[in-house]
């Protein structure tokens, strides 16, 4: 009986720890509905696609919406999942490597985007200078 009560207490305290604090101002009910609607939208968008996309897109859109609408709750869930992942070092290591790869790709995308913007700015400035020279010469 003690083990059953301990299991119940552990479960309820874990679920209660996922809820946001009252000071955060985060409302679970409307936020959860927004996340579900976003996931259903992902399902509609991925309609008539292959089975992998039909499963992955609603999940990705729902998780993204969760981070936007319920950031405190998603942080709590993320911390709980990380705690469970640490029990399996291979899973935790794969998670870390995947996250670092995504962060590196994002960083490189920002760098290349800035380089492209700089190149376009240089070309536009050069073109503007040529046109201004033509105007000065009266062509």
C-alpha atoms as a PDB file:
ATOM      1  CA  UNK A   1       0.000   0.000   0.000  1.00  0.00           C
ATOM      2  CA  UNK A   2       2.885   2.362   0.797  1.00  0.00           C
ATOM      3  CA  UNK A   3       4.452   1.826  -2.607  1.00  0.00           C
ATOM      4  CA  UNK A   4       1.136   2.548  -4.354  1.00  0.00           C
ATOM      5  CA  UNK A   5       0.662   5.758  -2.348  1.00  0.00           C
ATOM      6  CA  UNK A   6       4.248   6.787  -3.037  1.00  0.00           C
ATOM      7  CA  UNK A   7       3.726   6.154  -6.769  1.00  0.00           C
ATOM      8  CA  UNK A   8       0.517   8.199  -6.748  1.00  0.00           C
ATOM      9  CA  UNK A   9       2.195  11.028  -4.840  1.00  0.00           C
ATOM     10  CA  UNK A  10       5.152  10.987  -7.230  1.00  0.00           C
ATOM     11  CA  UNK A  11       2.833  11.130 -10.249  1.00  0.00           C
ATOM     12  CA  UNK A  12       0.683  13.960  -8.897  1.00  0.00           C
ATOM     13  CA  UNK A  13       3.686  16.025  -7.802  1.00  0.00           C
ATOM     14  CA  UNK A  14       5.291  15.546 -11.221  1.00  0.00           C
ATOM     15  CA  UNK A  15       2.150  16.680 -13.041  1.00  0.00           C
ATOM     16  CA  UNK A  16       1.724  19.609 -10.630  1.00  0.00           C
ATOM     17  CA  UNK A  17       5.327  20.691 -11.216  1.00  0.00           C
ATOM     18  CA  UNK A  18       4.596  21.116 -14.933  1.00  0.00           C
ATOM     19  CA  UNK A  19       2.022  23.870 -14.341  1.00  0.00           C
ATOM     20  CA  UNK A  20       3.258  27.461 -14.522  1.00  0.00           C
ATOM     21  CA  UNK A  21       3.542  29.560 -11.409  1.00  0.00           C
ATOM     22  CA  UNK A  22       0.746  32.086 -10.792  1.00  0.00           C
ATOM     23  CA  UNK A  23       3.264  34.938 -11.091  1.00  0.00           C
ATOM     24  CA  UNK A  24       4.009  34.029 -14.716  1.00  0.00           C
ATOM     25  CA  UNK A  25       0.492  34.994 -15.812  1.00  0.00           C
ATOM     26  CA  UNK A  26       0.361  32.027 -18.169  1.00  0.00           C
ATOM     27  CA  UNK A  27      -3.154  30.619 -18.643  1.00  0.00           C
ATOM     28  CA  UNK A  28      -3.193  26.900 -19.397  1.00  0.00           C
ATOM     29  CA  UNK A  29      -6.691  26.481 -20.785  1.00  0.00           C
ATOM     30  CA  UNK A  30      -6.685  29.005 -23.641  1.00  0.00           C
ATOM     31  CA  UNK A  31      -3.030  28.261 -24.390  1.00  0.00           C
ATOM     32  CA  UNK A  32      -3.663  24.534 -24.634  1.00  0.00           C
ATOM     33  CA  UNK A  33      -6.564  25.150 -27.005  1.00  0.00           C
ATOM     34  CA  UNK A  34      -4.359  27.365 -29.195  1.00  0.00           C
ATOM     35  CA  UNK A  35      -1.708  24.646 -29.327  1.00  0.00           C
ATOM     36  CA  UNK A  36      -4.292  22.003 -30.278  1.00  0.00           C
ATOM     37  CA  UNK A  37      -5.720  24.228 -33.014  1.00  0.00           C
ATOM     38  CA  UNK A  38      -2.212  24.854 -34.350  1.00  0.00           C
ATOM     39  CA  UNK A  39      -1.505  21.112 -34.402  1.00  0.00           C
ATOM     40  CA  UNK A  40      -4.778  20.500 -36.247  1.00  0.00           C
ATOM     41  CA  UNK A  41      -3.779  23.210 -38.716  1.00  0.00           C
ATOM     42  CA  UNK A  42      -0.524  21.351 -39.286  1.00  0.00           C
ATOM     43  CA  UNK A  43      -2.575  18.245 -39.940  1.00  0.00           C
ATOM     44  CA  UNK A  44      -4.662  20.087 -42.528  1.00  0.00           C
ATOM     45  CA  UNK A  45      -1.575  21.551 -44.192  1.00  0.00           C
ATOM     46  CA  UNK A  46       0.070  18.132 -44.452  1.00  0.00           C
ATOM     47  CA  UNK A  47      -3.035  16.479 -45.892  1.00  0.00           C
ATOM     48  CA  UNK A  48      -2.368  14.394 -49.035  1.00  0.00           C
ATOM     49  CA  UNK A  49       1.352  14.088 -48.225  1.00  0.00           C
ATOM     50  CA  UNK A  50       3.352  11.024 -47.325  1.00  0.00           C
ATOM     51  CA  UNK A  51       2.849   9.345 -43.971  1.00  0.00           C
ATOM     52  CA  UNK A  52       6.037  10.740 -42.412  1.00  0.00           C
ATOM     53  CA  UNK A  53       5.074  14.345 -43.130  1.00  0.00           C
ATOM     54  CA  UNK A  54       1.512  13.714 -42.005  1.00  0.00           C
ATOM     55  CA  UNK A  55       2.873  12.703 -38.601  1.00  0.00           C
ATOM     56  CA  UNK A  56       5.802  15.103 -38.313  1.00  0.00           C
ATOM     57  CA  UNK A  57       4.262  18.416 -39.390  1.00  0.00           C
ATOM     58  CA  UNK A  58       1.391  18.506 -36.850  1.00  0.00           C
ATOM     59  CA  UNK A  59       3.825  17.494 -34.110  1.00  0.00           C
ATOM     60  CA  UNK A  60       6.355  20.169 -35.105  1.00  0.00           C
ATOM     61  CA  UNK A  61       3.697  22.884 -35.453  1.00  0.00           C
ATOM     62  CA  UNK A  62       2.145  21.907 -32.114  1.00  0.00           C
ATOM     63  CA  UNK A  63       5.498  21.977 -30.325  1.00  0.00           C
ATOM     64  CA  UNK A  64       6.387  25.308 -31.926  1.00  0.00           C
ATOM     65  CA  UNK A  65       3.040  26.788 -30.932  1.00  0.00           C
ATOM     66  CA  UNK A  66       3.524  25.440 -27.418  1.00  0.00           C
ATOM     67  CA  UNK A  67       6.833  27.269 -27.094  1.00  0.00           C
ATOM     68  CA  UNK A  68       5.219  30.491 -28.344  1.00  0.00           C
ATOM     69  CA  UNK A  69       1.960  30.340 -26.366  1.00  0.00           C
ATOM     70  CA  UNK A  70       3.006  28.428 -23.220  1.00  0.00           C
ATOM     71  CA  UNK A  71       6.735  29.110 -22.744  1.00  0.00           C
ATOM     72  CA  UNK A  72       6.850  28.477 -18.970  1.00  0.00           C
ATOM     73  CA  UNK A  73       4.949  25.200 -19.217  1.00  0.00           C
ATOM     74  CA  UNK A  74       7.048  24.068 -22.181  1.00  0.00           C
ATOM     75  CA  UNK A  75      10.226  24.873 -20.229  1.00  0.00           C
ATOM     76  CA  UNK A  76       8.946  22.758 -17.323  1.00  0.00           C
ATOM     77  CA  UNK A  77       8.092  19.870 -19.666  1.00  0.00           C
ATOM     78  CA  UNK A  78      11.464  20.207 -21.365  1.00  0.00           C
ATOM     79  CA  UNK A  79      13.281  20.075 -18.031  1.00  0.00           C
ATOM     80  CA  UNK A  80      11.311  16.974 -17.005  1.00  0.00           C
ATOM     81  CA  UNK A  81      12.070  15.220 -20.302  1.00  0.00           C
ATOM     82  CA  UNK A  82      15.743  16.131 -19.957  1.00  0.00           C
ATOM     83  CA  UNK A  83      15.764  14.600 -16.478  1.00  0.00           C
ATOM     84  CA  UNK A  84      14.383  11.341 -17.929  1.00  0.00           C
ATOM     85  CA  UNK A  85      16.808  11.477 -20.886  1.00  0.00           C
ATOM     86  CA  UNK A  86      19.763  11.674 -18.538  1.00  0.00           C
ATOM     87  CA  UNK A  87      18.916   8.180 -17.302  1.00  0.00           C
ATOM     88  CA  UNK A  88      19.971   6.931 -20.759  1.00  0.00           C
ATOM     89  CA  UNK A  89      23.345   8.481 -21.684  1.00  0.00           C
ATOM     90  CA  UNK A  90      23.107   7.507 -25.364  1.00  0.00           C
ATOM     91  CA  UNK A  91      19.799   9.340 -25.752  1.00  0.00           C
ATOM     92  CA  UNK A  92      21.073  12.402 -23.863  1.00  0.00           C
ATOM     93  CA  UNK A  93      24.270  12.479 -25.942  1.00  0.00           C
ATOM     94  CA  UNK A  94      22.268  12.224 -29.169  1.00  0.00           C
ATOM     95  CA  UNK A  95      20.012  15.025 -27.992  1.00  0.00           C
ATOM     96  CA  UNK A  96      22.986  17.258 -27.202  1.00  0.00           C
ATOM     97  CA  UNK A  97      24.644  16.561 -30.564  1.00  0.00           C
ATOM     98  CA  UNK A  98      21.389  17.195 -32.433  1.00  0.00           C
ATOM     99  CA  UNK A  99      20.830  20.459 -30.590  1.00  0.00           C
ATOM    100  CA  UNK A 100      24.396  21.624 -31.257  1.00  0.00           C
ATOM    101  CA  UNK A 101      23.999  20.750 -34.942  1.00  0.00           C
ATOM    102  CA  UNK A 102      20.774  22.727 -35.199  1.00  0.00           C
ATOM    103  CA  UNK A 103      22.317  25.702 -33.387  1.00  0.00           C
ATOM    104  CA  UNK A 104      25.359  25.602 -35.689  1.00  0.00           C
ATOM    105  CA  UNK A 105      23.123  25.424 -38.785  1.00  0.00           C
ATOM    106  CA  UNK A 106      21.066  28.372 -37.511  1.00  0.00           C
ATOM    107  CA  UNK A 107      24.218  30.384 -36.782  1.00  0.00           C
ATOM    108  CA  UNK A 108      25.637  29.634 -40.248  1.00  0.00           C
ATOM    109  CA  UNK A 109      22.318  30.538 -41.902  1.00  0.00           C
ATOM    110  CA  UNK A 110      22.346  33.914 -40.142  1.00  0.00           C
ATOM    111  CA  UNK A 111      25.974  34.524 -41.167  1.00  0.00           C
ATOM    112  CA  UNK A 112      25.305  33.634 -44.810  1.00  0.00           C
ATOM    113  CA  UNK A 113      22.146  35.723 -44.847  1.00  0.00           C
ATOM    114  CA  UNK A 114      24.092  38.718 -43.574  1.00  0.00           C
ATOM    115  CA  UNK A 115      26.790  38.128 -46.199  1.00  0.00           C
ATOM    116  CA  UNK A 116      24.138  38.009 -48.945  1.00  0.00           C
ATOM    117  CA  UNK A 117      22.592  41.241 -47.663  1.00  0.00           C
ATOM    118  CA  UNK A 118      26.015  42.917 -47.665  1.00  0.00           C
ATOM    119  CA  UNK A 119      26.704  41.775 -51.234  1.00  0.00           C
ATOM    120  CA  UNK A 120      23.333  43.026 -52.453  1.00  0.00           C
ATOM    121  CA  UNK A 121      23.874  46.360 -50.658  1.00  0.00           C
ATOM    122  CA  UNK A 122      27.287  46.727 -52.318  1.00  0.00           C
ATOM    123  CA  UNK A 123      25.864  45.970 -55.767  1.00  0.00           C
ATOM    124  CA  UNK A 124      22.940  48.362 -55.286  1.00  0.00           C
ATOM    125  CA  UNK A 125      25.289  51.107 -54.059  1.00  0.00           C
ATOM    126  CA  UNK A 126      27.535  50.547 -57.078  1.00  0.00           C
ATOM    127  CA  UNK A 127      24.564  50.671 -59.439  1.00  0.00           C
ATOM    128  CA  UNK A 128      23.292  53.827 -57.791  1.00  0.00           C
ATOM    129  CA  UNK A 129      26.712  55.464 -58.181  1.00  0.00           C
ATOM    130  CA  UNK A 130      26.798  54.563 -61.907  1.00  0.00           C
ATOM    131  CA  UNK A 131      23.296  55.980 -62.461  1.00  0.00           C
ATOM    132  CA  UNK A 132      24.208  59.176 -60.565  1.00  0.00           C
ATOM    133  CA  UNK A 133      27.322  59.580 -62.757  1.00  0.00           C
ATOM    134  CA  UNK A 134      25.165  59.202 -65.879  1.00  0.00           C
ATOM    135  CA  UNK A 135      22.749  61.828 -64.564  1.00  0.00           C
ATOM    136  CA  UNK A 136      25.634  64.220 -63.797  1.00  0.00           C
ATOM    137  CA  UNK A 137      27.019  63.745 -67.305  1.00  0.00           C
ATOM    138  CA  UNK A 138      23.597  64.289 -68.832  1.00  0.00           C
ATOM    139  CA  UNK A 139      23.198  60.927 -70.522  1.00  0.00           C
END
